[in-house]
C-alpha atoms as a PDB file:
ATOM      1  CA  MET A   1    -123.596  61.456  18.860  1.00  0.00           C
ATOM      2  CA  ASN A   2    -120.960  63.694  17.330  1.00  0.00           C
ATOM      3  CA  ARG A   3    -121.199  65.713  14.118  1.00  0.00           C
ATOM      4  CA  GLU A   4    -118.967  63.280  12.212  1.00  0.00           C
ATOM      5  CA  GLU A   5    -121.321  60.357  12.986  1.00  0.00           C
ATOM      6  CA  GLU A   6    -124.318  62.495  12.028  1.00  0.00           C
ATOM      7  CA  ASN A   7    -122.730  63.295   8.657  1.00  0.00           C
ATOM      8  CA  THR A   8    -121.711  59.672   8.092  1.00  0.00           C
ATOM      9  CA  PHE A   9    -125.242  58.442   8.811  1.00  0.00           C
ATOM     10  CA  LYS A  10    -126.765  61.130   6.601  1.00  0.00           C
ATOM     11  CA  GLU A  11    -124.478  60.176   3.700  1.00  0.00           C
ATOM     12  CA  LEU A  12    -125.209  56.479   4.213  1.00  0.00           C
ATOM     13  CA  TYR A  13    -128.950  57.096   4.267  1.00  0.00           C
ATOM     14  CA  GLN A  14    -128.780  59.225   1.110  1.00  0.00           C
ATOM     15  CA  SER A  15    -126.681  56.538  -0.634  1.00  0.00           C
ATOM     16  CA  ALA A  16    -129.261  53.901   0.316  1.00  0.00           C
ATOM     17  CA  VAL A  17    -132.094  56.086  -1.006  1.00  0.00           C
ATOM     18  CA  GLU A  18    -130.247  56.547  -4.316  1.00  0.00           C
ATOM     19  CA  ALA A  19    -129.571  52.804  -4.582  1.00  0.00           C
ATOM     20  CA  GLY A  20    -133.276  52.165  -4.006  1.00  0.00           C
ATOM     21  CA  LYS A  21    -134.359  54.682  -6.637  1.00  0.00           C
ATOM     22  CA  ASN A  22    -131.910  53.237  -9.166  1.00  0.00           C
ATOM     23  CA  ALA A  23    -133.194  49.718  -8.499  1.00  0.00           C
ATOM     24  CA  VAL A  24    -136.772  50.873  -9.131  1.00  0.00           C
ATOM     25  CA  MET A  25    -135.757  52.443 -12.447  1.00  0.00           C
ATOM     26  CA  ARG A  26    -134.312  49.077 -13.537  1.00  0.00           C
ATOM     27  CA  THR A  27    -137.403  47.128 -12.450  1.00  0.00           C
ATOM     28  CA  ASN A  28    -139.573  45.636 -15.164  1.00  0.00           C
ATOM     29  CA  VAL A  29    -142.978  45.450 -13.485  1.00  0.00           C
ATOM     30  CA  ARG A  30    -145.287  42.627 -14.511  1.00  0.00           C
ATOM     31  CA  PRO A  31    -148.802  44.080 -14.927  1.00  0.00           C
ATOM     32  CA  MET A  32    -151.642  42.409 -13.067  1.00  0.00           C
ATOM     33  CA  VAL A  33    -154.883  41.446 -14.801  1.00  0.00           C
ATOM     34  CA  VAL A  34    -158.040  41.714 -12.718  1.00  0.00           C
ATOM     35  CA  TYR A  35    -161.211  40.116 -13.982  1.00  0.00           C
ATOM     36  CA  GLN A  36    -164.651  39.094 -12.837  1.00  0.00           C
ATOM     37  CA  ARG A  37    -166.560  36.073 -14.036  1.00  0.00           C
ATOM     38  CA  SER A  38    -170.335  35.846 -14.383  1.00  0.00           C
ATOM     39  CA  ASN A  39    -170.215  33.120 -11.726  1.00  0.00           C
ATOM     40  CA  PRO A  40    -167.401  33.842  -9.253  1.00  0.00           C
ATOM     41  CA  LEU A  41    -167.414  30.197  -8.146  1.00  0.00           C
ATOM     42  CA  ASP A  42    -166.959  28.798 -11.659  1.00  0.00           C
ATOM     43  CA  ASP A  43    -163.560  29.385 -13.312  1.00  0.00           C
ATOM     44  CA  LYS A  44    -165.025  28.413 -16.677  1.00  0.00           C
ATOM     45  CA  SER A  45    -167.854  30.948 -16.658  1.00  0.00           C
ATOM     46  CA  GLU A  46    -167.822  33.988 -18.920  1.00  0.00           C
ATOM     47  CA  ILE A  47    -165.523  36.913 -18.063  1.00  0.00           C
ATOM     48  CA  VAL A  48    -167.760  39.966 -17.677  1.00  0.00           C
ATOM     49  CA  TYR A  49    -165.111  42.501 -16.634  1.00  0.00           C
ATOM     50  CA  ALA A  50    -161.344  42.767 -17.100  1.00  0.00           C
ATOM     51  CA  SER A  51    -158.803  45.427 -16.213  1.00  0.00           C
ATOM     52  CA  ILE A  52    -155.013  45.726 -16.346  1.00  0.00           C
ATOM     53  CA  VAL A  53    -153.126  47.193 -13.380  1.00  0.00           C
ATOM     54  CA  GLU A  54    -149.849  48.498 -14.836  1.00  0.00           C
ATOM     55  CA  ASP A  55    -148.175  48.723 -11.399  1.00  0.00           C
ATOM     56  CA  GLY A  56    -148.533  44.964 -10.885  1.00  0.00           C
ATOM     57  CA  VAL A  57    -149.612  43.341  -7.647  1.00  0.00           C
ATOM     58  CA  CYS A  58    -150.264  45.528  -4.614  1.00  0.00           C
ATOM     59  CA  GLY A  59    -148.269  45.325  -1.429  1.00  0.00           C
ATOM     60  CA  PHE A  60    -146.034  46.805   1.238  1.00  0.00           C
ATOM     61  CA  ALA A  61    -142.294  46.786   1.900  1.00  0.00           C
ATOM     62  CA  ASN A  62    -140.188  47.875   4.873  1.00  0.00           C
ATOM     63  CA  ILE A  63    -136.501  47.885   5.689  1.00  0.00           C
ATOM     64  CA  ILE A  64    -135.836  46.620   9.210  1.00  0.00           C
ATOM     65  CA  VAL A  65    -132.703  47.766  11.048  1.00  0.00           C
ATOM     66  CA  LYS A  66    -131.627  45.957  14.219  1.00  0.00           C
ATOM     67  CA  PRO A  67    -130.962  46.473  17.017  1.00  0.00           C
ATOM     68  CA  ALA A  68    -133.142  49.460  17.828  1.00  0.00           C
ATOM     69  CA  ASN A  69    -130.551  50.757  20.291  1.00  0.00           C
ATOM     70  CA  SER A  70    -127.758  50.976  17.689  1.00  0.00           C
ATOM     71  CA  LYS A  71    -126.490  54.452  16.891  1.00  0.00           C
ATOM     72  CA  PHE A  72    -127.782  54.283  13.328  1.00  0.00           C
ATOM     73  CA  ALA A  73    -131.256  53.113  14.399  1.00  0.00           C
ATOM     74  CA  LYS A  74    -131.433  55.911  16.948  1.00  0.00           C
ATOM     75  CA  TRP A  75    -130.383  58.387  14.242  1.00  0.00           C
ATOM     76  CA  LEU A  76    -133.138  57.081  11.935  1.00  0.00           C
ATOM     77  CA  LEU A  77    -135.738  57.536  14.677  1.00  0.00           C
ATOM     78  CA  LYS A  78    -134.457  60.977  15.667  1.00  0.00           C
ATOM     79  CA  ASN A  79    -134.676  62.203  12.071  1.00  0.00           C
ATOM     80  CA  GLY A  80    -138.108  60.730  11.391  1.00  0.00           C
ATOM     81  CA  TYR A  81    -136.941  58.146   8.845  1.00  0.00           C
ATOM     82  CA  ALA A  82    -138.082  55.136  10.867  1.00  0.00           C
ATOM     83  CA  THR A  83    -140.498  53.954  13.520  1.00  0.00           C
ATOM     84  CA  HIS A  84    -140.184  51.173  16.072  1.00  0.00           C
ATOM     85  CA  ALA A  85    -140.738  47.798  14.401  1.00  0.00           C
ATOM     86  CA  TYR A  86    -142.960  45.015  15.644  1.00  0.00           C
ATOM     87  CA  GLY A  87    -140.595  42.307  16.853  1.00  0.00           C
ATOM     88  CA  GLY A  88    -137.717  44.673  17.533  1.00  0.00           C
ATOM     89  CA  GLY A  89    -135.544  47.047  15.604  1.00  0.00           C
ATOM     90  CA  VAL A  90    -136.761  50.008  13.607  1.00  0.00           C
ATOM     91  CA  SER A  91    -138.728  50.037  10.379  1.00  0.00           C
ATOM     92  CA  ILE A  92    -138.253  52.258   7.333  1.00  0.00           C
ATOM     93  CA  HIS A  93    -141.520  52.128   5.408  1.00  0.00           C
ATOM     94  CA  VAL A  94    -141.368  52.388   1.617  1.00  0.00           C
ATOM     95  CA  SER A  95    -144.233  54.785   0.937  1.00  0.00           C
ATOM     96  CA  GLU A  96    -143.375  55.710  -2.652  1.00  0.00           C
ATOM     97  CA  TYR A  97    -144.344  53.866  -5.856  1.00  0.00           C
ATOM     98  CA  ASN A  98    -148.111  53.744  -5.366  1.00  0.00           C
ATOM     99  CA  GLN A  99    -149.141  50.203  -4.445  1.00  0.00           C
ATOM    100  CA  SER A 100    -146.588  48.369  -6.609  1.00  0.00           C
ATOM    101  CA  LEU A 101    -145.088  45.537  -4.566  1.00  0.00           C
ATOM    102  CA  GLN A 102    -142.386  44.909  -7.176  1.00  0.00           C
ATOM    103  CA  ARG A 103    -141.165  48.492  -7.110  1.00  0.00           C
ATOM    104  CA  LYS A 104    -141.344  48.734  -3.312  1.00  0.00           C
ATOM    105  CA  GLU A 105    -139.391  45.485  -2.929  1.00  0.00           C
ATOM    106  CA  ALA A 106    -136.767  46.553  -5.484  1.00  0.00           C
ATOM    107  CA  TYR A 107    -136.259  49.779  -3.549  1.00  0.00           C
ATOM    108  CA  ALA A 108    -136.168  48.038  -0.168  1.00  0.00           C
ATOM    109  CA  TYR A 109    -133.695  45.307  -1.195  1.00  0.00           C
ATOM    110  CA  ALA A 110    -131.275  47.819  -2.739  1.00  0.00           C
ATOM    111  CA  PHE A 111    -131.613  50.075   0.310  1.00  0.00           C
ATOM    112  CA  ALA A 112    -130.947  47.203   2.731  1.00  0.00           C
ATOM    113  CA  ASP A 113    -127.982  45.983   0.647  1.00  0.00           C
ATOM    114  CA  THR A 114    -126.396  49.430   0.911  1.00  0.00           C
ATOM    115  CA  LEU A 115    -126.798  49.381   4.693  1.00  0.00           C
ATOM    116  CA  ARG A 116    -125.385  45.848   4.982  1.00  0.00           C
ATOM    117  CA  LYS A 117    -122.303  46.894   2.999  1.00  0.00           C
ATOM    118  CA  ALA A 118    -121.742  49.459   5.774  1.00  0.00           C
ATOM    119  CA  ASN A 119    -122.031  46.666   8.390  1.00  0.00           C
ATOM    120  CA  ILE A 120    -125.543  47.624   9.478  1.00  0.00           C
ATOM    121  CA  ASN A 121    -127.905  44.748  10.223  1.00  0.00           C
ATOM    122  CA  ALA A 122    -130.748  45.378   7.766  1.00  0.00           C
ATOM    123  CA  TYR A 123    -133.269  43.186   6.001  1.00  0.00           C
ATOM    124  CA  VAL A 124    -136.544  43.495   4.090  1.00  0.00           C
ATOM    125  CA  GLU A 125    -140.068  42.580   5.117  1.00  0.00           C
ATOM    126  CA  SER A 126    -142.797  42.686   2.479  1.00  0.00           C
ATOM    127  CA  ARG A 127    -146.258  41.359   1.875  1.00  0.00           C
ATOM    128  CA  LEU A 128    -149.047  41.348  -0.642  1.00  0.00           C
ATOM    129  CA  ASP A 129    -152.017  43.556   0.035  1.00  0.00           C
END
């Protein structure tokens, strides 16, 4: 890989990071309410404990880049930005934003969109925790 490709990939990665951060700043997170009833098997029993989780529901998000043998995927691995993904490709894990699934997904979708605009095959995987 030549220096020009290295610089191009670095700029693309930094642009994707910025797009992700901007998307998170625009995200209006829906808080999650956690409560416990006196009888956990009866939805009509008295609520004995309630708490609000400002970050919303908990979860994980990753950006998947395929194929793993593409120059960009190899660059991500070489620089420690990604790991090999289950099912092929490489995975960029969104580790910021505590446990907030909404924020992690906002970041990941904006990041992947930036890569796709540069003709890189990228998509998002996420799940509740």
